[in-house]
Amino acid sequence: MKAMKTSTETGNRKLILTRNFDASPELMFKIWSDCKHLKHWWGPKEWPMDECNMDFREGGEWKYCLRGPNKGDESWGLAIYRDISKPDKIVYKDHFTDAKGSIVENMPNMVISVDFTAQDSKTKQTITVVFDTNEERDKIVEMGMAEGMDSSLDRLEEHLVKLTEGNL
C-alpha cells in the first residue's frame, strides 16, 4: 500500500483529513462546488464519479454515483448543503443512498465540513467528518474512507495541474 499524502486523525466521533494544495482558497472552493470539476477528481481512482447532479446552495442537494471496476459496483450518495461560506467553508450532510435516492438506513450518515485556509499562495484543506457514534466512524474507516479520500485528493492535485496549465 502506498504512503498517504493526506494526514488523518480521529477524535470523538470524528475523522479529520488535512492536505495542502498549491491553489487559492477561491479555486479550491470552486473545484468543490461544481460538477464540471468534481467529475475529474471525486472518488478514488478505481471508483470515479460517474454521475453528478448538484444544486449548490444552502438546502440544496448533490446527488452522485461512484462506479467501481466490476460491472454492478456502484456507490450512490446524497449530500444536503447546510452552510456555504465562500471561499472558506462548505458543510453538508452526506448519506449513502440507493440508485433511486432513498437513504440506506443501515449505513452511517456523516456531517462533513470542508475548510479552506490560505497559507501564502497555497491552501490548507481540512475535511472534518462527524459521525453519530465512534462505532459508525470506525465502520467507515474500516471500509477505507481515509485511503479513498487520499486517492481522490491525488486526483484533485492532478486536476489542479491541468487547470493551471490550461489543459481543461
C-alpha atoms as a PDB file:
ATOM      1  CA  MET A   1       0.000   0.000   0.000  1.00  0.00           C
ATOM      2  CA  LYS A   2       1.346   3.444  -0.899  1.00  0.00           C
ATOM      3  CA  ALA A   3       2.003   6.111   1.700  1.00  0.00           C
ATOM      4  CA  MET A   4      -0.841   8.585   2.120  1.00  0.00           C
ATOM      5  CA  LYS A   5      -0.253  12.263   1.343  1.00  0.00           C
ATOM      6  CA  THR A   6      -3.246  13.265   3.450  1.00  0.00           C
ATOM      7  CA  SER A   7      -2.766  13.471   7.200  1.00  0.00           C
ATOM      8  CA  THR A   8      -5.551  11.770   9.140  1.00  0.00           C
ATOM      9  CA  GLU A   9      -6.589  11.763  12.740  1.00  0.00           C
ATOM     10  CA  THR A  10      -9.568  10.518  14.660  1.00  0.00           C
ATOM     11  CA  GLY A  11     -11.286  12.158  17.586  1.00  0.00           C
ATOM     12  CA  ASN A  12     -14.548  11.688  19.408  1.00  0.00           C
ATOM     13  CA  ARG A  13     -16.925  10.678  16.553  1.00  0.00           C
ATOM     14  CA  LYS A  14     -14.615  12.427  14.051  1.00  0.00           C
ATOM     15  CA  LEU A  15     -12.302  11.669  11.181  1.00  0.00           C
ATOM     16  CA  ILE A  16     -10.146  14.643  10.164  1.00  0.00           C
ATOM     17  CA  LEU A  17      -8.264  14.690   6.860  1.00  0.00           C
ATOM     18  CA  THR A  18      -5.826  17.518   6.108  1.00  0.00           C
ATOM     19  CA  ARG A  19      -3.852  18.273   2.977  1.00  0.00           C
ATOM     20  CA  ASN A  20      -2.158  21.308   1.438  1.00  0.00           C
ATOM     21  CA  PHE A  21      -2.762  22.326  -2.170  1.00  0.00           C
ATOM     22  CA  ASP A  22      -0.945  24.693  -4.496  1.00  0.00           C
ATOM     23  CA  ALA A  23      -4.072  26.750  -5.198  1.00  0.00           C
ATOM     24  CA  SER A  24      -6.004  29.644  -3.717  1.00  0.00           C
ATOM     25  CA  PRO A  25      -8.980  29.076  -1.386  1.00  0.00           C
ATOM     26  CA  GLU A  26     -11.173  30.601  -4.121  1.00  0.00           C
ATOM     27  CA  LEU A  27     -10.070  27.979  -6.651  1.00  0.00           C
ATOM     28  CA  MET A  28     -10.392  25.150  -4.116  1.00  0.00           C
ATOM     29  CA  PHE A  29     -13.918  26.313  -3.269  1.00  0.00           C
ATOM     30  CA  LYS A  30     -14.818  26.386  -6.982  1.00  0.00           C
ATOM     31  CA  ILE A  31     -13.464  22.861  -7.511  1.00  0.00           C
ATOM     32  CA  TRP A  32     -15.676  21.561  -4.671  1.00  0.00           C
ATOM     33  CA  SER A  33     -18.815  23.383  -5.809  1.00  0.00           C
ATOM     34  CA  ASP A  34     -19.285  22.436  -9.466  1.00  0.00           C
ATOM     35  CA  CYS A  35     -19.872  19.046 -11.130  1.00  0.00           C
ATOM     36  CA  LYS A  36     -17.740  20.078 -14.116  1.00  0.00           C
ATOM     37  CA  HIS A  37     -14.748  19.955 -11.740  1.00  0.00           C
ATOM     38  CA  LEU A  38     -15.891  17.205  -9.380  1.00  0.00           C
ATOM     39  CA  LYS A  39     -16.262  14.715 -12.244  1.00  0.00           C
ATOM     40  CA  HIS A  40     -12.483  14.905 -12.727  1.00  0.00           C
ATOM     41  CA  TRP A  41     -11.476  14.018  -9.187  1.00  0.00           C
ATOM     42  CA  TRP A  42     -14.271  12.934  -6.813  1.00  0.00           C
ATOM     43  CA  GLY A  43     -13.879   9.297  -5.823  1.00  0.00           C
ATOM     44  CA  PRO A  44     -10.836   7.055  -5.665  1.00  0.00           C
ATOM     45  CA  LYS A  45      -9.049   6.295  -8.924  1.00  0.00           C
ATOM     46  CA  GLU A  46     -10.682   2.837  -9.023  1.00  0.00           C
ATOM     47  CA  TRP A  47     -14.138   4.277  -8.143  1.00  0.00           C
ATOM     48  CA  PRO A  48     -14.543   7.531 -10.119  1.00  0.00           C
ATOM     49  CA  MET A  49     -17.708   9.577 -10.023  1.00  0.00           C
ATOM     50  CA  ASP A  50     -19.901   8.572 -12.936  1.00  0.00           C
ATOM     51  CA  GLU A  51     -22.966  10.719 -12.232  1.00  0.00           C
ATOM     52  CA  CYS A  52     -23.242  14.155 -10.651  1.00  0.00           C
ATOM     53  CA  ASN A  53     -26.231  16.458 -10.178  1.00  0.00           C
ATOM     54  CA  MET A  54     -25.854  19.486  -7.958  1.00  0.00           C
ATOM     55  CA  ASP A  55     -27.922  22.370  -6.635  1.00  0.00           C
ATOM     56  CA  PHE A  56     -25.118  24.226  -4.839  1.00  0.00           C
ATOM     57  CA  ARG A  57     -26.827  26.391  -2.242  1.00  0.00           C
ATOM     58  CA  GLU A  58     -27.733  26.043   1.431  1.00  0.00           C
ATOM     59  CA  GLY A  59     -30.547  23.482   1.492  1.00  0.00           C
ATOM     60  CA  GLY A  60     -29.582  22.281  -1.993  1.00  0.00           C
ATOM     61  CA  GLU A  61     -28.600  18.731  -2.841  1.00  0.00           C
ATOM     62  CA  TRP A  62     -25.715  16.984  -4.545  1.00  0.00           C
ATOM     63  CA  LYS A  63     -26.518  13.513  -5.884  1.00  0.00           C
ATOM     64  CA  TYR A  64     -23.672  11.383  -7.157  1.00  0.00           C
ATOM     65  CA  CYS A  65     -22.619   7.862  -8.039  1.00  0.00           C
ATOM     66  CA  LEU A  66     -19.187   6.272  -7.858  1.00  0.00           C
ATOM     67  CA  ARG A  67     -18.718   3.264 -10.129  1.00  0.00           C
ATOM     68  CA  GLY A  68     -16.219   0.527  -9.375  1.00  0.00           C
ATOM     69  CA  PRO A  69     -14.112  -1.619 -11.672  1.00  0.00           C
ATOM     70  CA  ASN A  70     -16.575  -4.526 -11.849  1.00  0.00           C
ATOM     71  CA  LYS A  71     -19.963  -4.448 -13.555  1.00  0.00           C
ATOM     72  CA  GLY A  72     -22.586  -3.557 -10.969  1.00  0.00           C
ATOM     73  CA  ASP A  73     -20.124  -1.994  -8.481  1.00  0.00           C
ATOM     74  CA  GLU A  74     -21.634   1.344  -7.531  1.00  0.00           C
ATOM     75  CA  SER A  75     -21.963   3.609  -4.532  1.00  0.00           C
ATOM     76  CA  TRP A  76     -24.658   6.292  -4.531  1.00  0.00           C
ATOM     77  CA  GLY A  77     -24.594   9.355  -2.324  1.00  0.00           C
ATOM     78  CA  LEU A  78     -26.750  12.315  -1.396  1.00  0.00           C
ATOM     79  CA  ALA A  79     -25.313  15.433   0.169  1.00  0.00           C
ATOM     80  CA  ILE A  80     -27.545  18.164   1.577  1.00  0.00           C
ATOM     81  CA  TYR A  81     -25.785  21.507   1.961  1.00  0.00           C
ATOM     82  CA  ARG A  82     -26.073  23.113   5.397  1.00  0.00           C
ATOM     83  CA  ASP A  83     -23.599  26.006   5.329  1.00  0.00           C
ATOM     84  CA  ILE A  84     -21.764  27.626   2.444  1.00  0.00           C
ATOM     85  CA  SER A  85     -19.313  30.437   3.211  1.00  0.00           C
ATOM     86  CA  LYS A  86     -17.451  31.330   0.017  1.00  0.00           C
ATOM     87  CA  PRO A  87     -14.445  30.813  -0.196  1.00  0.00           C
ATOM     88  CA  ASP A  88     -13.801  29.447   3.298  1.00  0.00           C
ATOM     89  CA  LYS A  89     -16.147  26.583   4.091  1.00  0.00           C
ATOM     90  CA  ILE A  90     -18.668  24.073   2.768  1.00  0.00           C
ATOM     91  CA  VAL A  91     -20.721  21.973   5.199  1.00  0.00           C
ATOM     92  CA  TYR A  92     -23.047  19.181   4.131  1.00  0.00           C
ATOM     93  CA  LYS A  93     -24.730  16.076   5.477  1.00  0.00           C
ATOM     94  CA  ASP A  94     -23.789  13.051   3.401  1.00  0.00           C
ATOM     95  CA  HIS A  95     -25.885   9.895   3.095  1.00  0.00           C
ATOM     96  CA  PHE A  96     -25.435   6.563   1.351  1.00  0.00           C
ATOM     97  CA  THR A  97     -28.423   6.002  -0.946  1.00  0.00           C
ATOM     98  CA  ASP A  98     -29.705   3.503  -3.443  1.00  0.00           C
ATOM     99  CA  ALA A  99     -29.927   4.315  -7.156  1.00  0.00           C
ATOM    100  CA  LYS A 100     -33.395   5.855  -6.637  1.00  0.00           C
ATOM    101  CA  GLY A 101     -32.066   8.251  -3.978  1.00  0.00           C
ATOM    102  CA  SER A 102     -33.553   6.519  -0.932  1.00  0.00           C
ATOM    103  CA  ILE A 103     -31.267   6.722   2.106  1.00  0.00           C
ATOM    104  CA  VAL A 104     -29.732   3.366   3.093  1.00  0.00           C
ATOM    105  CA  GLU A 105     -30.762   3.028   6.738  1.00  0.00           C
ATOM    106  CA  ASN A 106     -28.061   0.591   7.900  1.00  0.00           C
ATOM    107  CA  MET A 107     -25.205   2.841   6.711  1.00  0.00           C
ATOM    108  CA  PRO A 108     -23.850   5.790   8.689  1.00  0.00           C
ATOM    109  CA  ASN A 109     -24.556   9.323   7.605  1.00  0.00           C
ATOM    110  CA  MET A 110     -21.929  11.995   8.117  1.00  0.00           C
ATOM    111  CA  VAL A 111     -21.744  15.737   8.576  1.00  0.00           C
ATOM    112  CA  ILE A 112     -18.783  16.893   6.509  1.00  0.00           C
ATOM    113  CA  SER A 113     -17.119  20.262   6.841  1.00  0.00           C
ATOM    114  CA  VAL A 114     -14.540  21.283   4.240  1.00  0.00           C
ATOM    115  CA  ASP A 115     -12.459  24.274   5.348  1.00  0.00           C
ATOM    116  CA  PHE A 116     -10.090  26.185   3.063  1.00  0.00           C
ATOM    117  CA  THR A 117      -7.381  28.187   4.853  1.00  0.00           C
ATOM    118  CA  ALA A 118      -4.993  30.419   2.912  1.00  0.00           C
ATOM    119  CA  GLN A 119      -1.312  29.794   3.626  1.00  0.00           C
ATOM    120  CA  ASP A 120       0.835  32.075   1.483  1.00  0.00           C
ATOM    121  CA  SER A 121      -0.085  31.092  -2.092  1.00  0.00           C
ATOM    122  CA  LYS A 122      -1.372  27.680  -1.016  1.00  0.00           C
ATOM    123  CA  THR A 123      -4.480  26.349   0.708  1.00  0.00           C
ATOM    124  CA  LYS A 124      -4.707  24.079   3.704  1.00  0.00           C
ATOM    125  CA  GLN A 125      -7.815  21.972   3.187  1.00  0.00           C
ATOM    126  CA  THR A 126      -9.284  20.350   6.281  1.00  0.00           C
ATOM    127  CA  ILE A 127     -12.119  17.852   5.920  1.00  0.00           C
ATOM    128  CA  THR A 128     -13.816  17.104   9.231  1.00  0.00           C
ATOM    129  CA  VAL A 129     -16.250  14.196   9.134  1.00  0.00           C
ATOM    130  CA  VAL A 130     -18.548  13.863  12.165  1.00  0.00           C
ATOM    131  CA  PHE A 131     -20.456  10.630  12.795  1.00  0.00           C
ATOM    132  CA  ASP A 132     -23.297   9.886  15.213  1.00  0.00           C
ATOM    133  CA  THR A 133     -21.109   7.385  17.093  1.00  0.00           C
ATOM    134  CA  ASN A 134     -17.490   6.224  17.292  1.00  0.00           C
ATOM    135  CA  GLU A 135     -18.700   2.825  16.063  1.00  0.00           C
ATOM    136  CA  GLU A 136     -20.067   4.397  12.880  1.00  0.00           C
ATOM    137  CA  ARG A 137     -16.785   6.257  12.399  1.00  0.00           C
ATOM    138  CA  ASP A 138     -14.849   3.018  12.835  1.00  0.00           C
ATOM    139  CA  LYS A 139     -17.104   1.209  10.328  1.00  0.00           C
ATOM    140  CA  ILE A 140     -16.430   3.832   7.648  1.00  0.00           C
ATOM    141  CA  VAL A 141     -12.708   3.942   8.437  1.00  0.00           C
ATOM    142  CA  GLU A 142     -12.578   0.140   8.095  1.00  0.00           C
ATOM    143  CA  MET A 143     -14.333   0.471   4.712  1.00  0.00           C
ATOM    144  CA  GLY A 144     -11.327   2.534   3.582  1.00  0.00           C
ATOM    145  CA  MET A 145     -12.637   6.090   3.664  1.00  0.00           C
ATOM    146  CA  ALA A 146      -9.259   7.652   4.523  1.00  0.00           C
ATOM    147  CA  GLU A 147      -7.454   5.780   1.745  1.00  0.00           C
ATOM    148  CA  GLY A 148     -10.289   6.539  -0.669  1.00  0.00           C
ATOM    149  CA  MET A 149     -10.168  10.254   0.128  1.00  0.00           C
ATOM    150  CA  ASP A 150      -6.375  10.244  -0.226  1.00  0.00           C
ATOM    151  CA  SER A 151      -6.761   8.730  -3.719  1.00  0.00           C
ATOM    152  CA  SER A 152      -9.463  11.288  -4.523  1.00  0.00           C
ATOM    153  CA  LEU A 153      -7.233  14.134  -3.368  1.00  0.00           C
ATOM    154  CA  ASP A 154      -4.368  12.768  -5.506  1.00  0.00           C
ATOM    155  CA  ARG A 155      -6.768  13.088  -8.438  1.00  0.00           C
ATOM    156  CA  LEU A 156      -7.665  16.617  -7.261  1.00  0.00           C
ATOM    157  CA  GLU A 157      -3.970  17.566  -7.381  1.00  0.00           C
ATOM    158  CA  GLU A 158      -3.771  16.223 -10.946  1.00  0.00           C
ATOM    159  CA  HIS A 159      -6.868  18.234 -11.874  1.00  0.00           C
ATOM    160  CA  LEU A 160      -5.335  21.404 -10.405  1.00  0.00           C
ATOM    161  CA  VAL A 161      -2.194  20.905 -12.514  1.00  0.00           C
ATOM    162  CA  LYS A 162      -4.305  20.556 -15.670  1.00  0.00           C
ATOM    163  CA  LEU A 163      -6.297  23.666 -14.749  1.00  0.00           C
ATOM    164  CA  THR A 164      -3.229  25.797 -14.075  1.00  0.00           C
ATOM    165  CA  GLU A 165      -1.540  24.584 -17.250  1.00  0.00           C
ATOM    166  CA  GLY A 166      -4.677  25.466 -19.227  1.00  0.00           C
ATOM    167  CA  ASN A 167      -5.358  21.892 -20.270  1.00  0.00           C
ATOM    168  CA  LEU A 168      -9.016  21.969 -19.205  1.00  0.00           C
END
